PDB file of all heavy atoms in Angstrom:
ATOM      1  N   PHE A   1     -17.297  25.464  21.184  1.00  0.00           N
ATOM      2  CA  PHE A   1     -17.017  24.644  22.336  1.00  0.00           C
ATOM      3  C   PHE A   1     -16.171  25.403  23.362  1.00  0.00           C
ATOM      4  O   PHE A   1     -16.463  25.404  24.560  1.00  0.00           O
ATOM      5  CB  PHE A   1     -16.255  23.377  21.921  1.00  0.00           C
ATOM      6  CG  PHE A   1     -15.699  22.567  23.046  1.00  0.00           C
ATOM      7  CD1 PHE A   1     -16.478  21.677  23.739  1.00  0.00           C
ATOM      8  CD2 PHE A   1     -14.348  22.704  23.409  1.00  0.00           C
ATOM      9  CE1 PHE A   1     -15.954  20.918  24.809  1.00  0.00           C
ATOM     10  CE2 PHE A   1     -13.815  21.992  24.455  1.00  0.00           C
ATOM     11  CZ  PHE A   1     -14.612  21.086  25.162  1.00  0.00           C
ATOM     12  N   LEU A   2     -15.144  26.087  22.894  1.00  0.00           N
ATOM     13  CA  LEU A   2     -14.277  26.844  23.794  1.00  0.00           C
ATOM     14  C   LEU A   2     -15.018  27.964  24.479  1.00  0.00           C
ATOM     15  O   LEU A   2     -14.830  28.226  25.668  1.00  0.00           O
ATOM     16  CB  LEU A   2     -13.072  27.409  23.000  1.00  0.00           C
ATOM     17  CG  LEU A   2     -12.076  26.417  22.471  1.00  0.00           C
ATOM     18  CD1 LEU A   2     -11.029  27.123  21.568  1.00  0.00           C
ATOM     19  CD2 LEU A   2     -11.367  25.655  23.615  1.00  0.00           C
ATOM     20  N   ILE A   3     -15.917  28.618  23.717  1.00  0.00           N
ATOM     21  CA  ILE A   3     -16.666  29.753  24.280  1.00  0.00           C
ATOM     22  C   ILE A   3     -17.747  29.286  25.232  1.00  0.00           C
ATOM     23  O   ILE A   3     -17.921  29.791  26.342  1.00  0.00           O
ATOM     24  CB  ILE A   3     -17.258  30.585  23.136  1.00  0.00           C
ATOM     25  CG1 ILE A   3     -16.154  31.335  22.432  1.00  0.00           C
ATOM     26  CG2 ILE A   3     -18.321  31.568  23.634  1.00  0.00           C
ATOM     27  CD1 ILE A   3     -16.495  31.830  21.067  1.00  0.00           C
ATOM     28  N   ASN A   4     -18.489  28.249  24.801  1.00  0.00           N
ATOM     29  CA  ASN A   4     -19.598  27.811  25.614  1.00  0.00           C
ATOM     30  C   ASN A   4     -19.173  27.207  26.942  1.00  0.00           C
ATOM     31  O   ASN A   4     -19.920  27.236  27.921  1.00  0.00           O
ATOM     32  CB  ASN A   4     -20.419  26.742  24.827  1.00  0.00           C
ATOM     33  CG  ASN A   4     -21.920  26.872  25.083  1.00  0.00           C
ATOM     34  OD1 ASN A   4     -22.441  27.949  25.246  1.00  0.00           O
ATOM     35  ND2 ASN A   4     -22.589  25.721  25.084  1.00  0.00           N
ATOM     36  N   ASN A   5     -17.932  26.713  26.983  1.00  0.00           N
ATOM     37  CA  ASN A   5     -17.404  26.152  28.228  1.00  0.00           C
ATOM     38  C   ASN A   5     -16.447  27.109  28.961  1.00  0.00           C
ATOM     39  O   ASN A   5     -15.774  26.708  29.908  1.00  0.00           O
ATOM     40  CB  ASN A   5     -16.702  24.819  27.922  1.00  0.00           C
ATOM     41  CG  ASN A   5     -17.654  23.707  27.544  1.00  0.00           C
ATOM     42  OD1 ASN A   5     -18.337  23.161  28.371  1.00  0.00           O
ATOM     43  ND2 ASN A   5     -17.718  23.397  26.255  1.00  0.00           N
ATOM     44  N   ASN A   6     -16.429  28.375  28.458  1.00  0.00           N
ATOM     45  CA  ASN A   6     -15.602  29.401  29.105  1.00  0.00           C
ATOM     46  C   ASN A   6     -14.145  28.975  29.242  1.00  0.00           C
ATOM     47  O   ASN A   6     -13.507  29.226  30.282  1.00  0.00           O
ATOM     48  CB  ASN A   6     -16.177  29.779  30.483  1.00  0.00           C
ATOM     49  CG  ASN A   6     -17.579  30.344  30.382  1.00  0.00           C
ATOM     50  OD1 ASN A   6     -17.824  31.295  29.574  1.00  0.00           O
ATOM     51  ND2 ASN A   6     -18.506  29.836  31.156  1.00  0.00           N
ATOM     52  N   LEU A   7     -13.633  28.354  28.176  1.00  0.00           N
ATOM     53  CA  LEU A   7     -12.265  27.856  28.213  1.00  0.00           C
ATOM     54  C   LEU A   7     -11.255  28.850  27.632  1.00  0.00           C
ATOM     55  O   LEU A   7     -10.193  29.030  28.176  1.00  0.00           O
ATOM     56  CB  LEU A   7     -12.160  26.525  27.442  1.00  0.00           C
ATOM     57  CG  LEU A   7     -12.962  25.381  28.053  1.00  0.00           C
ATOM     58  CD1 LEU A   7     -12.914  24.151  27.164  1.00  0.00           C
ATOM     59  CD2 LEU A   7     -12.379  25.013  29.430  1.00  0.00           C
ATOM     60  N   ASP A   8     -11.615  29.462  26.484  1.00  0.00           N
ATOM     61  CA  ASP A   8     -10.685  30.399  25.825  1.00  0.00           C
ATOM     62  C   ASP A   8     -11.515  31.244  24.867  1.00  0.00           C
ATOM     63  O   ASP A   8     -11.671  30.905  23.693  1.00  0.00           O
ATOM     64  CB  ASP A   8      -9.586  29.645  25.076  1.00  0.00           C
ATOM     65  CG  ASP A   8      -8.456  30.552  24.634  1.00  0.00           C
ATOM     66  OD1 ASP A   8      -8.713  31.772  24.426  1.00  0.00           O
ATOM     67  OD2 ASP A   8      -7.324  30.057  24.481  1.00  0.00           O
ATOM     68  N   LEU A   9     -12.036  32.376  25.378  1.00  0.00           N
ATOM     69  CA  LEU A   9     -12.947  33.215  24.568  1.00  0.00           C
ATOM     70  C   LEU A   9     -12.214  33.772  23.348  1.00  0.00           C
ATOM     71  O   LEU A   9     -12.774  33.839  22.255  1.00  0.00           O
ATOM     72  CB  LEU A   9     -13.504  34.341  25.430  1.00  0.00           C
ATOM     73  CG  LEU A   9     -14.421  33.923  26.571  1.00  0.00           C
ATOM     74  CD1 LEU A   9     -14.967  35.142  27.298  1.00  0.00           C
ATOM     75  CD2 LEU A   9     -15.570  33.054  26.076  1.00  0.00           C
ATOM     76  N   ASP A  10     -10.986  34.201  23.522  1.00  0.00           N
ATOM     77  CA  ASP A  10     -10.273  34.847  22.422  1.00  0.00           C
ATOM     78  C   ASP A  10      -9.965  33.862  21.297  1.00  0.00           C
ATOM     79  O   ASP A  10     -10.200  34.148  20.107  1.00  0.00           O
ATOM     80  CB  ASP A  10      -8.953  35.442  22.908  1.00  0.00           C
ATOM     81  CG  ASP A  10      -9.191  36.666  23.809  1.00  0.00           C
ATOM     82  OD1 ASP A  10     -10.196  37.355  23.589  1.00  0.00           O
ATOM     83  OD2 ASP A  10      -8.359  36.922  24.676  1.00  0.00           O
ATOM     84  N   LYS A  11      -9.500  32.649  21.655  1.00  0.00           N
ATOM     85  CA  LYS A  11      -9.230  31.656  20.646  1.00  0.00           C
ATOM     86  C   LYS A  11     -10.536  31.203  19.971  1.00  0.00           C
ATOM     87  O   LYS A  11     -10.586  31.024  18.734  1.00  0.00           O
ATOM     88  CB  LYS A  11      -8.514  30.440  21.263  1.00  0.00           C
ATOM     89  CG  LYS A  11      -8.169  29.344  20.229  1.00  0.00           C
ATOM     90  CD  LYS A  11      -7.382  28.215  20.862  1.00  0.00           C
ATOM     91  CE  LYS A  11      -7.043  27.136  19.833  1.00  0.00           C
ATOM     92  NZ  LYS A  11      -6.267  26.015  20.432  1.00  0.00           N
ATOM     93  N   GLY A  12     -11.571  31.030  20.792  1.00  0.00           N
ATOM     94  CA  GLY A  12     -12.852  30.643  20.229  1.00  0.00           C
ATOM     95  C   GLY A  12     -13.391  31.638  19.241  1.00  0.00           C
ATOM     96  O   GLY A  12     -13.872  31.278  18.156  1.00  0.00           O
ATOM     97  N   LEU A  13     -13.314  32.908  19.587  1.00  0.00           N
ATOM     98  CA  LEU A  13     -13.749  33.978  18.680  1.00  0.00           C
ATOM     99  C   LEU A  13     -12.974  33.976  17.389  1.00  0.00           C
ATOM    100  O   LEU A  13     -13.533  34.158  16.299  1.00  0.00           O
ATOM    101  CB  LEU A  13     -13.613  35.312  19.398  1.00  0.00           C
ATOM    102  CG  LEU A  13     -14.235  36.550  18.693  1.00  0.00           C
ATOM    103  CD1 LEU A  13     -15.728  36.342  18.510  1.00  0.00           C
ATOM    104  CD2 LEU A  13     -13.932  37.811  19.504  1.00  0.00           C
ATOM    105  N   ASP A  14     -11.640  33.745  17.493  1.00  0.00           N
ATOM    106  CA  ASP A  14     -10.813  33.714  16.280  1.00  0.00           C
ATOM    107  C   ASP A  14     -11.212  32.578  15.370  1.00  0.00           C
ATOM    108  O   ASP A  14     -11.321  32.746  14.158  1.00  0.00           O
ATOM    109  CB  ASP A  14      -9.347  33.572  16.698  1.00  0.00           C
ATOM    110  CG  ASP A  14      -8.426  33.419  15.489  1.00  0.00           C
ATOM    111  OD1 ASP A  14      -8.356  34.368  14.666  1.00  0.00           O
ATOM    112  OD2 ASP A  14      -7.791  32.371  15.350  1.00  0.00           O
ATOM    113  N   LEU A  15     -11.423  31.380  15.940  1.00  0.00           N
ATOM    114  CA  LEU A  15     -11.790  30.225  15.139  1.00  0.00           C
ATOM    115  C   LEU A  15     -13.128  30.425  14.437  1.00  0.00           C
ATOM    116  O   LEU A  15     -13.289  30.129  13.226  1.00  0.00           O
ATOM    117  CB  LEU A  15     -11.859  28.964  16.014  1.00  0.00           C
ATOM    118  CG  LEU A  15     -10.562  28.467  16.648  1.00  0.00           C
ATOM    119  CD1 LEU A  15     -10.827  27.383  17.670  1.00  0.00           C
ATOM    120  CD2 LEU A  15      -9.591  27.993  15.578  1.00  0.00           C
ATOM    121  N   ILE A  16     -14.091  30.966  15.177  1.00  0.00           N
ATOM    122  CA  ILE A  16     -15.426  31.175  14.589  1.00  0.00           C
ATOM    123  C   ILE A  16     -15.374  32.273  13.517  1.00  0.00           C
ATOM    124  O   ILE A  16     -16.043  32.131  12.478  1.00  0.00           O
ATOM    125  CB  ILE A  16     -16.442  31.549  15.684  1.00  0.00           C
ATOM    126  CG1 ILE A  16     -16.642  30.368  16.619  1.00  0.00           C
ATOM    127  CG2 ILE A  16     -17.772  31.932  15.051  1.00  0.00           C
ATOM    128  CD1 ILE A  16     -17.391  30.681  17.895  1.00  0.00           C
ATOM    129  N   SER A  17     -14.595  33.294  13.715  1.00  0.00           N
ATOM    130  CA  SER A  17     -14.488  34.345  12.733  1.00  0.00           C
ATOM    131  C   SER A  17     -13.915  33.809  11.413  1.00  0.00           C
ATOM    132  O   SER A  17     -14.292  34.243  10.333  1.00  0.00           O
ATOM    133  CB  SER A  17     -13.626  35.518  13.257  1.00  0.00           C
ATOM    134  OG  SER A  17     -12.299  35.125  13.429  1.00  0.00           O
ATOM    135  N   ARG A  18     -13.010  32.817  11.538  1.00  0.00           N
ATOM    136  CA  ARG A  18     -12.443  32.176  10.322  1.00  0.00           C
ATOM    137  C   ARG A  18     -13.493  31.354   9.609  1.00  0.00           C
ATOM    138  O   ARG A  18     -13.551  31.311   8.384  1.00  0.00           O
ATOM    139  CB  ARG A  18     -11.254  31.322  10.701  1.00  0.00           C
ATOM    140  CG  ARG A  18     -10.023  32.129  11.080  1.00  0.00           C
ATOM    141  CD  ARG A  18      -8.988  31.286  11.832  1.00  0.00           C
ATOM    142  NE  ARG A  18      -8.492  30.165  11.065  1.00  0.00           N
ATOM    143  CZ  ARG A  18      -7.641  29.267  11.548  1.00  0.00           C
ATOM    144  NH1 ARG A  18      -7.220  29.382  12.791  1.00  0.00           N
ATOM    145  NH2 ARG A  18      -7.243  28.261  10.790  1.00  0.00           N
ATOM    146  N   ALA A  19     -14.388  30.726  10.375  1.00  0.00           N
ATOM    147  CA  ALA A  19     -15.487  29.962   9.751  1.00  0.00           C
ATOM    148  C   ALA A  19     -16.446  30.890   9.040  1.00  0.00           C
ATOM    149  O   ALA A  19     -16.873  30.633   7.916  1.00  0.00           O
ATOM    150  CB  ALA A  19     -16.233  29.175  10.850  1.00  0.00           C
ATOM    151  N   VAL A  20     -16.779  32.032   9.691  1.00  0.00           N
ATOM    152  CA  VAL A  20     -17.687  32.987   9.065  1.00  0.00           C
ATOM    153  C   VAL A  20     -17.106  33.616   7.829  1.00  0.00           C
ATOM    154  O   VAL A  20     -17.811  33.854   6.841  1.00  0.00           O
ATOM    155  CB  VAL A  20     -18.072  34.095  10.116  1.00  0.00           C
ATOM    156  CG1 VAL A  20     -18.872  35.199   9.423  1.00  0.00           C
ATOM    157  CG2 VAL A  20     -18.872  33.487  11.258  1.00  0.00           C
ATOM    158  N   ALA A  21     -15.775  33.839   7.844  1.00  0.00           N
ATOM    159  CA  ALA A  21     -15.112  34.421   6.652  1.00  0.00           C
ATOM    160  C   ALA A  21     -15.271  33.475   5.481  1.00  0.00           C
ATOM    161  O   ALA A  21     -15.372  33.917   4.312  1.00  0.00           O
ATOM    162  CB  ALA A  21     -13.656  34.637   6.965  1.00  0.00           C
ATOM    163  N   ASN A  22     -15.312  32.151   5.728  1.00  0.00           N
ATOM    164  CA  ASN A  22     -15.513  31.175   4.651  1.00  0.00           C
ATOM    165  C   ASN A  22     -16.940  31.094   4.174  1.00  0.00           C
ATOM    166  O   ASN A  22     -17.196  30.888   2.988  1.00  0.00           O
ATOM    167  CB  ASN A  22     -15.027  29.790   5.098  1.00  0.00           C
ATOM    168  CG  ASN A  22     -13.531  29.567   4.974  1.00  0.00           C
ATOM    169  OD1 ASN A  22     -13.089  29.237   3.903  1.00  0.00           O
ATOM    170  ND2 ASN A  22     -12.811  29.795   6.055  1.00  0.00           N
ATOM    171  N   GLU A  23     -17.891  31.213   5.115  1.00  0.00           N
ATOM    172  CA  GLU A  23     -19.318  31.087   4.786  1.00  0.00           C
ATOM    173  C   GLU A  23     -20.067  32.175   5.546  1.00  0.00           C
ATOM    174  O   GLU A  23     -20.707  31.927   6.570  1.00  0.00           O
ATOM    175  CB  GLU A  23     -19.836  29.695   5.180  1.00  0.00           C
ATOM    176  CG  GLU A  23     -19.184  28.557   4.405  1.00  0.00           C
ATOM    177  CD  GLU A  23     -19.766  27.215   4.749  1.00  0.00           C
ATOM    178  OE1 GLU A  23     -20.944  27.138   5.167  1.00  0.00           O
ATOM    179  OE2 GLU A  23     -19.022  26.194   4.633  1.00  0.00           O
ATOM    180  N   PRO A  24     -20.061  33.393   4.971  1.00  0.00           N
ATOM    181  CA  PRO A  24     -20.626  34.524   5.711  1.00  0.00           C
ATOM    182  C   PRO A  24     -22.143  34.528   5.886  1.00  0.00           C
ATOM    183  O   PRO A  24     -22.657  35.326   6.674  1.00  0.00           O
ATOM    184  CB  PRO A  24     -20.183  35.729   4.854  1.00  0.00           C
ATOM    185  CG  PRO A  24     -19.867  35.162   3.514  1.00  0.00           C
ATOM    186  CD  PRO A  24     -19.394  33.785   3.753  1.00  0.00           C
ATOM    187  N   THR A  25     -22.844  33.655   5.205  1.00  0.00           N
ATOM    188  CA  THR A  25     -24.322  33.590   5.387  1.00  0.00           C
ATOM    189  C   THR A  25     -24.771  32.325   6.072  1.00  0.00           C
ATOM    190  O   THR A  25     -25.953  32.025   6.106  1.00  0.00           O
ATOM    191  CB  THR A  25     -25.020  33.719   4.023  1.00  0.00           C
ATOM    192  OG1 THR A  25     -24.638  32.646   3.162  1.00  0.00           O
ATOM    193  CG2 THR A  25     -24.720  35.072   3.365  1.00  0.00           C
ATOM    194  N   ASN A  26     -23.819  31.566   6.608  1.00  0.00           N
ATOM    195  CA  ASN A  26     -24.208  30.327   7.321  1.00  0.00           C
ATOM    196  C   ASN A  26     -24.807  30.726   8.673  1.00  0.00           C
ATOM    197  O   ASN A  26     -24.118  31.305   9.546  1.00  0.00           O
ATOM    198  CB  ASN A  26     -22.963  29.453   7.526  1.00  0.00           C
ATOM    199  CG  ASN A  26     -23.321  28.106   8.169  1.00  0.00           C
ATOM    200  OD1 ASN A  26     -23.969  28.029   9.178  1.00  0.00           O
ATOM    201  ND2 ASN A  26     -22.820  27.033   7.545  1.00  0.00           N
ATOM    202  N   PRO A  27     -26.096  30.440   8.911  1.00  0.00           N
ATOM    203  CA  PRO A  27     -26.759  30.919  10.150  1.00  0.00           C
ATOM    204  C   PRO A  27     -26.145  30.343  11.436  1.00  0.00           C
ATOM    205  O   PRO A  27     -26.157  31.005  12.468  1.00  0.00           O
ATOM    206  CB  PRO A  27     -28.202  30.476   9.969  1.00  0.00           C
ATOM    207  CG  PRO A  27     -28.125  29.311   9.010  1.00  0.00           C
ATOM    208  CD  PRO A  27     -26.975  29.606   8.102  1.00  0.00           C
ATOM    209  N   PHE A  28     -25.611  29.130  11.340  1.00  0.00           N
ATOM    210  CA  PHE A  28     -25.051  28.503  12.549  1.00  0.00           C
ATOM    211  C   PHE A  28     -23.700  29.092  12.897  1.00  0.00           C
ATOM    212  O   PHE A  28     -23.363  29.259  14.066  1.00  0.00           O
ATOM    213  CB  PHE A  28     -24.947  26.988  12.335  1.00  0.00           C
ATOM    214  CG  PHE A  28     -26.259  26.395  11.907  1.00  0.00           C
ATOM    215  CD1 PHE A  28     -26.457  25.977  10.574  1.00  0.00           C
ATOM    216  CD2 PHE A  28     -27.309  26.271  12.779  1.00  0.00           C
ATOM    217  CE1 PHE A  28     -27.670  25.451  10.169  1.00  0.00           C
ATOM    218  CE2 PHE A  28     -28.535  25.763  12.377  1.00  0.00           C
ATOM    219  CZ  PHE A  28     -28.712  25.349  11.069  1.00  0.00           C
ATOM    220  N   PHE A  29     -22.932  29.481  11.897  1.00  0.00           N
ATOM    221  CA  PHE A  29     -21.713  30.189  12.137  1.00  0.00           C
ATOM    222  C   PHE A  29     -21.968  31.570  12.662  1.00  0.00           C
ATOM    223  O   PHE A  29     -21.285  32.053  13.594  1.00  0.00           O
ATOM    224  CB  PHE A  29     -20.859  30.275  10.868  1.00  0.00           C
ATOM    225  CG  PHE A  29     -20.417  28.947  10.258  1.00  0.00           C
ATOM    226  CD1 PHE A  29     -19.765  28.922   9.053  1.00  0.00           C
ATOM    227  CD2 PHE A  29     -20.680  27.736  10.908  1.00  0.00           C
ATOM    228  CE1 PHE A  29     -19.373  27.718   8.482  1.00  0.00           C
ATOM    229  CE2 PHE A  29     -20.300  26.549  10.372  1.00  0.00           C
ATOM    230  CZ  PHE A  29     -19.642  26.545   9.130  1.00  0.00           C
ATOM    231  N   LEU A  30     -22.980  32.236  12.102  1.00  0.00           N
ATOM    232  CA  LEU A  30     -23.352  33.594  12.587  1.00  0.00           C
ATOM    233  C   LEU A  30     -23.826  33.510  14.029  1.00  0.00           C
ATOM    234  O   LEU A  30     -23.527  34.416  14.849  1.00  0.00           O
ATOM    235  CB  LEU A  30     -24.440  34.171  11.687  1.00  0.00           C
ATOM    236  CG  LEU A  30     -24.023  34.540  10.283  1.00  0.00           C
ATOM    237  CD1 LEU A  30     -25.232  34.860   9.410  1.00  0.00           C
ATOM    238  CD2 LEU A  30     -23.063  35.712  10.283  1.00  0.00           C
ATOM    239  N   ASP A  31     -24.575  32.476  14.359  1.00  0.00           N
ATOM    240  CA  ASP A  31     -25.043  32.275  15.718  1.00  0.00           C
ATOM    241  C   ASP A  31     -23.857  32.105  16.674  1.00  0.00           C
ATOM    242  O   ASP A  31     -23.797  32.744  17.749  1.00  0.00           O
ATOM    243  CB  ASP A  31     -25.936  31.029  15.798  1.00  0.00           C
ATOM    244  CG  ASP A  31     -26.287  30.677  17.233  1.00  0.00           C
ATOM    245  OD1 ASP A  31     -26.885  31.487  17.942  1.00  0.00           O
ATOM    246  OD2 ASP A  31     -25.945  29.556  17.624  1.00  0.00           O
ATOM    247  N   SER A  32     -22.900  31.288  16.287  1.00  0.00           N
ATOM    248  CA  SER A  32     -21.710  31.091  17.130  1.00  0.00           C
ATOM    249  C   SER A  32     -20.933  32.402  17.312  1.00  0.00           C
ATOM    250  O   SER A  32     -20.478  32.706  18.428  1.00  0.00           O
ATOM    251  CB  SER A  32     -20.804  30.032  16.504  1.00  0.00           C
ATOM    252  OG  SER A  32     -21.434  28.801  16.417  1.00  0.00           O
ATOM    253  N   PHE A  33     -20.788  33.150  16.236  1.00  0.00           N
ATOM    254  CA  PHE A  33     -20.069  34.411  16.274  1.00  0.00           C
ATOM    255  C   PHE A  33     -20.799  35.399  17.184  1.00  0.00           C
ATOM    256  O   PHE A  33     -20.202  36.076  18.040  1.00  0.00           O
ATOM    257  CB  PHE A  33     -19.935  34.985  14.862  1.00  0.00           C
ATOM    258  CG  PHE A  33     -18.787  35.978  14.710  1.00  0.00           C
ATOM    259  CD1 PHE A  33     -17.854  36.141  15.686  1.00  0.00           C
ATOM    260  CD2 PHE A  33     -18.660  36.695  13.540  1.00  0.00           C
ATOM    261  CE1 PHE A  33     -16.797  37.050  15.557  1.00  0.00           C
ATOM    262  CE2 PHE A  33     -17.641  37.570  13.363  1.00  0.00           C
ATOM    263  CZ  PHE A  33     -16.699  37.762  14.339  1.00  0.00           C
TER     264      PHE A  33
END
């Protein structure tokens, strides 16, 4: 949400990277990352 709306790219990237760390093969998390 933060990235798609150009609100806070750095925070958005950090949040998504934490999601990917939990589920590294989740295609939707990989897409967001």
